[in-house]
């Protein structure tokens, strides 16, 4: 069977604030980041391993909004979130409220592997990361000059500036026809301390089962209320829709400009629809279909 992977680096009003230097940097980074998971799948790796490593690479790239380069809350701190789901087993791991875990997606994977739980947050999640020897960094390590400037503009405009493109994610199908999804984010610029978006919520921002895997990005509250990721999977399962029909149908039923998502099925078919102005994205498949995109 054929493998496939797709990644996203956030969706929103990207083109309004996209400088030429940032566009060049993003267009150079997206193929390399896509290849992280593609190389693994090409060698026979499991989909769940490929999406975890792809999201780690995105968390380490400060061009995008997760891990290093995450946005700041109204209190000027980073509170990170992530989730991961493995289609064949139906198991998932999710974390939120992280301040020192360098790669939140790795902690989400450990919650899946090492606990009977799905979702762990705050100090309890931090303590698990410490006990399991995951790499930790000072909270300010995640900060970049770009995100500081965004927060200052947001606060000066009484919240009218933003939200900025948020969330990274990956979906994959491996050579065995198994699928998985992973999502990670710093949240929303100027968010209330303690705010939780869709990225760590299984069924809202992330989903994988025996048919499809989905990772969402955009205005988190809208994806939470719509149960977007699970809704796409339900339309495939119950209505027999293709992944493109299901994904576009769910997005079009949400408020305009909500964002976008990635979806892959067990045949290695990918779809990357969005209703926002743009979505940072890249994809690659066993058949040689590959590419990147920012705008429509």
Protein backbone atom coordinates (compact mmCIF):
# COMPACT_ATOMS: atom_id res chain seq x y z
CA UNK A 1 0.00 0.00 0.00
CA UNK A 2 1.09 3.60 -0.55
CA UNK A 3 2.22 6.02 2.13
CA UNK A 4 1.38 9.72 2.44
CA UNK A 5 2.02 12.62 4.76
CA UNK A 6 0.72 16.18 5.05
CA UNK A 7 1.78 18.93 7.44
CA UNK A 8 0.40 22.35 8.31
CA UNK A 9 1.94 25.35 10.02
CA UNK A 10 -1.16 27.37 10.79
CA UNK A 11 -4.11 28.97 9.00
CA UNK A 12 -5.57 32.46 9.11
CA UNK A 13 -5.14 35.92 7.60
CA UNK A 14 -1.62 34.97 6.56
CA UNK A 15 -1.31 37.06 3.41
CA UNK A 16 -2.15 40.36 5.15
CA UNK A 17 1.00 40.32 7.27
CA UNK A 18 3.30 38.09 5.21
CA UNK A 19 6.58 39.86 4.48
CA UNK A 20 8.74 38.82 1.56
CA UNK A 21 11.52 37.59 3.84
CA UNK A 22 9.11 35.46 5.85
CA UNK A 23 7.54 34.02 2.71
CA UNK A 24 10.94 33.03 1.38
CA UNK A 25 11.87 31.43 4.70
CA UNK A 26 8.60 29.50 4.92
CA UNK A 27 8.80 28.27 1.34
CA UNK A 28 12.33 27.03 2.01
CA UNK A 29 11.33 25.31 5.27
CA UNK A 30 8.13 23.54 4.25
CA UNK A 31 9.70 20.97 1.86
CA UNK A 32 12.35 20.06 4.44
CA UNK A 33 9.78 19.71 7.21
CA UNK A 34 7.54 17.56 5.02
CA UNK A 35 10.48 15.32 4.19
CA UNK A 36 11.06 14.53 7.90
CA UNK A 37 7.98 12.32 7.99
CA UNK A 38 8.16 11.28 4.35
CA UNK A 39 11.64 9.82 4.80
CA UNK A 40 10.43 7.74 7.73
CA UNK A 41 7.37 6.45 5.88
CA UNK A 42 9.47 5.62 2.83
CA UNK A 43 11.53 3.32 5.06
CA UNK A 44 8.46 1.62 6.52
CA UNK A 45 7.95 3.57 9.75
CA UNK A 46 4.57 3.58 11.50
CA UNK A 47 2.30 6.54 10.83
CA UNK A 48 2.18 7.46 14.54
CA UNK A 49 5.99 7.71 14.65
CA UNK A 50 6.10 9.80 11.49
CA UNK A 51 3.56 12.37 12.66
CA UNK A 52 5.26 12.72 16.05
CA UNK A 53 8.67 13.40 14.47
CA UNK A 54 7.16 15.74 11.87
CA UNK A 55 5.54 17.81 14.60
CA UNK A 56 8.75 17.84 16.64
CA UNK A 57 10.45 19.37 13.61
CA UNK A 58 7.69 21.97 13.35
CA UNK A 59 7.96 22.73 17.08
CA UNK A 60 11.68 23.33 16.63
CA UNK A 61 11.16 25.73 13.69
CA UNK A 62 10.46 29.22 14.99
CA UNK A 63 8.73 30.22 11.75
CA UNK A 64 5.58 28.49 12.98
CA UNK A 65 3.37 28.71 16.01
CA UNK A 66 4.23 25.81 18.31
CA UNK A 67 7.19 25.10 20.56
CA UNK A 68 9.93 27.62 19.77
CA UNK A 69 8.16 30.65 18.29
CA UNK A 70 4.85 30.12 20.09
CA UNK A 71 2.63 33.10 20.80
CA UNK A 72 2.35 34.65 24.25
CA UNK A 73 -0.65 34.89 26.54
CA UNK A 74 -1.94 38.21 27.87
CA UNK A 75 0.29 37.61 30.89
CA UNK A 76 3.36 37.37 28.65
CA UNK A 77 4.00 33.65 29.13
CA UNK A 78 3.80 30.57 26.93
CA UNK A 79 1.23 27.86 27.68
CA UNK A 80 1.65 25.03 25.18
CA UNK A 81 -0.74 22.28 24.06
CA UNK A 82 -0.54 19.14 21.94
CA UNK A 83 -2.31 15.90 21.10
CA UNK A 84 -1.66 12.75 19.12
CA UNK A 85 -3.93 9.88 18.05
CA UNK A 86 -3.11 6.48 16.56
CA UNK A 87 -5.75 5.14 14.18
CA UNK A 88 -5.11 1.37 14.45
CA UNK A 89 -5.35 1.30 18.25
CA UNK A 90 -7.78 4.16 18.72
CA UNK A 91 -5.57 5.45 21.53
CA UNK A 92 -4.66 9.07 22.10
CA UNK A 93 -2.56 11.30 24.32
CA UNK A 94 -3.04 15.01 24.98
CA UNK A 95 -1.47 17.72 27.15
CA UNK A 96 -2.07 21.39 27.89
CA UNK A 97 -0.84 24.23 30.07
CA UNK A 98 2.82 23.34 29.51
CA UNK A 99 5.48 25.93 30.30
CA UNK A 100 8.82 24.11 30.24
CA UNK A 101 8.46 20.98 28.06
CA UNK A 102 10.50 21.66 24.92
CA UNK A 103 8.46 19.36 22.66
CA UNK A 104 4.85 19.07 23.87
CA UNK A 105 4.01 16.46 21.22
CA UNK A 106 6.54 14.08 22.80
CA UNK A 107 4.79 14.37 26.16
CA UNK A 108 1.44 13.71 24.44
CA UNK A 109 2.95 10.54 22.95
CA UNK A 110 4.17 9.44 26.37
CA UNK A 111 0.72 10.00 27.89
CA UNK A 112 -0.64 7.68 25.18
CA UNK A 113 2.05 5.05 25.74
CA UNK A 114 2.55 5.13 29.50
CA UNK A 115 -0.77 6.01 31.15
CA UNK A 116 -4.37 4.79 31.02
CA UNK A 117 -5.45 8.41 30.45
CA UNK A 118 -6.01 10.57 27.39
CA UNK A 119 -5.60 14.14 28.66
CA UNK A 120 -3.25 15.53 31.33
CA UNK A 121 -2.75 19.24 31.96
CA UNK A 122 -0.95 21.89 33.97
CA UNK A 123 1.43 21.00 36.75
CA UNK A 124 0.53 17.32 36.57
CA UNK A 125 1.67 17.22 32.95
CA UNK A 126 4.82 19.16 33.79
CA UNK A 127 5.61 16.70 36.57
CA UNK A 128 5.21 13.76 34.19
CA UNK A 129 7.59 15.34 31.72
CA UNK A 130 10.16 15.78 34.45
CA UNK A 131 9.71 12.22 35.77
CA UNK A 132 10.08 10.81 32.24
CA UNK A 133 13.21 12.89 31.54
CA UNK A 134 11.75 14.84 28.64
CA UNK A 135 13.85 17.85 27.73
CA UNK A 136 12.81 20.99 29.57
CA UNK A 137 13.68 24.63 28.88
CA UNK A 138 12.97 27.99 30.54
CA UNK A 139 9.66 29.47 29.42
CA UNK A 140 11.43 32.34 27.71
CA UNK A 141 13.23 29.88 25.41
CA UNK A 142 10.02 29.69 23.37
CA UNK A 143 9.94 33.49 22.86
CA UNK A 144 11.01 35.20 19.65
CA UNK A 145 11.15 38.90 18.80
CA UNK A 146 8.35 38.39 16.29
CA UNK A 147 5.98 36.98 18.89
CA UNK A 148 6.83 39.73 21.39
CA UNK A 149 5.98 42.34 18.77
CA UNK A 150 2.69 40.58 18.01
CA UNK A 151 1.71 40.59 21.67
CA UNK A 152 2.54 44.28 22.04
CA UNK A 153 0.43 45.16 19.01
CA UNK A 154 -2.39 42.96 20.28
CA UNK A 155 -2.43 44.59 23.72
CA UNK A 156 -2.10 48.11 22.27
CA UNK A 157 -5.08 47.48 19.98
CA UNK A 158 -7.30 46.15 22.80
CA UNK A 159 -7.33 42.75 21.15
CA UNK A 160 -8.19 43.95 17.64
CA UNK A 161 -4.83 42.89 16.18
CA UNK A 162 -4.86 39.15 15.48
CA UNK A 163 -5.44 36.32 15.98
CA UNK A 164 -2.27 35.22 14.21
CA UNK A 165 -1.86 31.93 12.29
CA UNK A 166 -1.79 29.25 14.93
CA UNK A 167 -1.05 25.58 15.40
CA UNK A 168 1.09 23.02 13.59
CA UNK A 169 0.11 19.47 12.74
CA UNK A 170 0.66 16.37 10.66
CA UNK A 171 -1.33 13.42 9.37
CA UNK A 172 0.11 10.30 7.80
CA UNK A 173 -0.71 6.93 6.27
CA UNK A 174 1.98 4.25 6.41
CA UNK A 175 2.67 1.32 4.07
CA UNK A 176 0.38 -0.89 6.15
CA UNK A 177 -2.58 1.42 5.59
CA UNK A 178 -2.54 2.72 9.18
CA UNK A 179 -3.17 6.41 9.85
CA UNK A 180 -2.31 8.83 12.66
CA UNK A 181 -2.62 12.54 13.45
CA UNK A 182 -0.72 14.98 15.67
CA UNK A 183 -1.31 18.66 16.51
CA UNK A 184 0.64 21.19 18.60
CA UNK A 185 0.24 24.90 19.40
CA UNK A 186 1.04 27.82 21.63
CA UNK A 187 -2.58 28.93 21.44
CA UNK A 188 -3.74 32.43 20.56
CA UNK A 189 -1.90 35.74 20.87
CA UNK A 190 -2.98 37.52 24.05
CA UNK A 191 -5.16 34.63 25.22
CA UNK A 192 -6.41 34.53 28.78
CA UNK A 193 -4.07 32.52 31.02
CA UNK A 194 -5.47 28.99 31.20
CA UNK A 195 -7.32 29.20 27.88
CA UNK A 196 -7.40 25.85 26.04
CA UNK A 197 -8.00 25.62 22.31
CA UNK A 198 -8.84 22.78 19.96
CA UNK A 199 -5.29 21.48 19.42
CA UNK A 200 -5.17 19.25 22.53
CA UNK A 201 -8.81 18.21 22.31
CA UNK A 202 -9.39 14.83 20.73
CA UNK A 203 -12.41 15.09 18.37
CA UNK A 204 -12.06 18.88 18.00
CA UNK A 205 -8.54 19.47 16.69
CA UNK A 206 -7.21 15.92 16.27
CA UNK A 207 -8.70 12.57 15.29
CA UNK A 208 -7.60 9.22 13.83
CA UNK A 209 -9.43 5.92 13.42
CA UNK A 210 -9.49 2.94 11.08
CA UNK A 211 -10.45 5.12 8.10
CA UNK A 212 -9.01 8.64 8.35
CA UNK A 213 -6.74 10.97 10.32
CA UNK A 214 -7.36 14.71 10.76
CA UNK A 215 -5.41 17.67 12.19
CA UNK A 216 -7.05 21.10 12.37
CA UNK A 217 -5.80 24.68 12.52
CA UNK A 218 -7.46 28.06 12.81
CA UNK A 219 -9.69 29.81 15.34
CA UNK A 220 -9.72 27.18 18.07
CA UNK A 221 -13.01 28.06 19.71
CA UNK A 222 -14.87 27.44 16.45
CA UNK A 223 -13.28 24.02 16.02
CA UNK A 224 -14.13 23.11 19.61
CA UNK A 225 -17.79 24.03 19.16
CA UNK A 226 -18.03 22.17 15.84
CA UNK A 227 -16.14 19.05 16.97
CA UNK A 228 -14.51 19.45 13.59
CA UNK A 229 -12.03 16.58 13.42
CA UNK A 230 -14.47 13.92 14.58
CA UNK A 231 -17.22 15.38 12.40
CA UNK A 232 -15.08 14.90 9.28
CA UNK A 233 -14.44 11.28 10.24
CA UNK A 234 -18.15 10.73 10.97
CA UNK A 235 -19.17 11.96 7.53
CA UNK A 236 -16.72 9.54 5.92
CA UNK A 237 -17.98 6.68 8.08
CA UNK A 238 -21.72 7.32 8.13
CA UNK A 239 -22.38 9.13 4.84
CA UNK A 240 -19.75 7.39 2.74
CA UNK A 241 -18.30 10.71 1.60
CA UNK A 242 -14.79 11.07 0.24
CA UNK A 243 -12.32 12.80 2.53
CA UNK A 244 -12.48 15.92 0.34
CA UNK A 245 -16.28 16.02 0.45
CA UNK A 246 -16.34 15.47 4.20
CA UNK A 247 -13.63 18.00 5.01
CA UNK A 248 -14.97 20.78 2.81
CA UNK A 249 -18.52 20.10 3.96
CA UNK A 250 -17.59 20.48 7.63
CA UNK A 251 -15.48 23.59 7.05
CA UNK A 252 -18.17 25.25 4.94
CA UNK A 253 -20.72 24.68 7.71
CA UNK A 254 -18.51 26.62 10.14
CA UNK A 255 -18.31 30.44 10.28
CA UNK A 256 -16.38 32.03 7.39
CA UNK A 257 -12.57 32.20 7.65
CA UNK A 258 -12.41 29.68 10.50
CA UNK A 259 -9.24 27.97 9.27
CA UNK A 260 -8.38 24.65 7.68
CA UNK A 261 -7.39 21.05 8.21
CA UNK A 262 -5.42 18.09 6.93
CA UNK A 263 -7.02 14.71 6.28
CA UNK A 264 -5.57 11.44 4.98
CA UNK A 265 -7.26 8.09 4.44
CA UNK A 266 -5.95 4.53 4.58
CA UNK A 267 -5.35 4.49 0.81
CA UNK A 268 -2.86 7.35 1.14
CA UNK A 269 -5.16 10.00 -0.33
CA UNK A 270 -4.71 13.48 1.19
CA UNK A 271 -6.85 16.61 1.24
CA UNK A 272 -5.85 20.02 2.65
CA UNK A 273 -8.87 22.37 2.49
CA UNK A 274 -9.15 25.73 4.22
CA UNK A 275 -11.63 28.62 4.32
CA UNK A 276 -9.21 31.19 5.75
CA UNK A 277 -7.05 33.50 3.67
CA UNK A 278 -4.23 30.99 3.68
CA UNK A 279 -2.71 27.91 5.32
CA UNK A 280 0.96 26.96 5.51
CA UNK A 281 1.06 23.40 4.19
CA UNK A 282 3.14 20.68 2.60
CA UNK A 283 2.49 17.12 1.43
CA UNK A 284 4.17 14.10 -0.11
CA UNK A 285 2.99 10.65 -1.22
CA UNK A 286 4.42 7.35 -2.43
CA UNK A 287 3.23 8.17 -5.95
CA UNK A 288 5.43 11.26 -6.17
CA UNK A 289 2.65 13.80 -5.57
CA UNK A 290 4.23 16.50 -3.43
CA UNK A 291 4.05 20.23 -2.93
CA UNK A 292 3.77 23.19 -0.60
CA UNK A 293 1.39 26.09 -0.33
CA UNK A 294 0.58 29.28 1.57
CA UNK A 295 -2.32 31.01 -0.19
CA UNK A 296 -5.20 29.58 -2.22
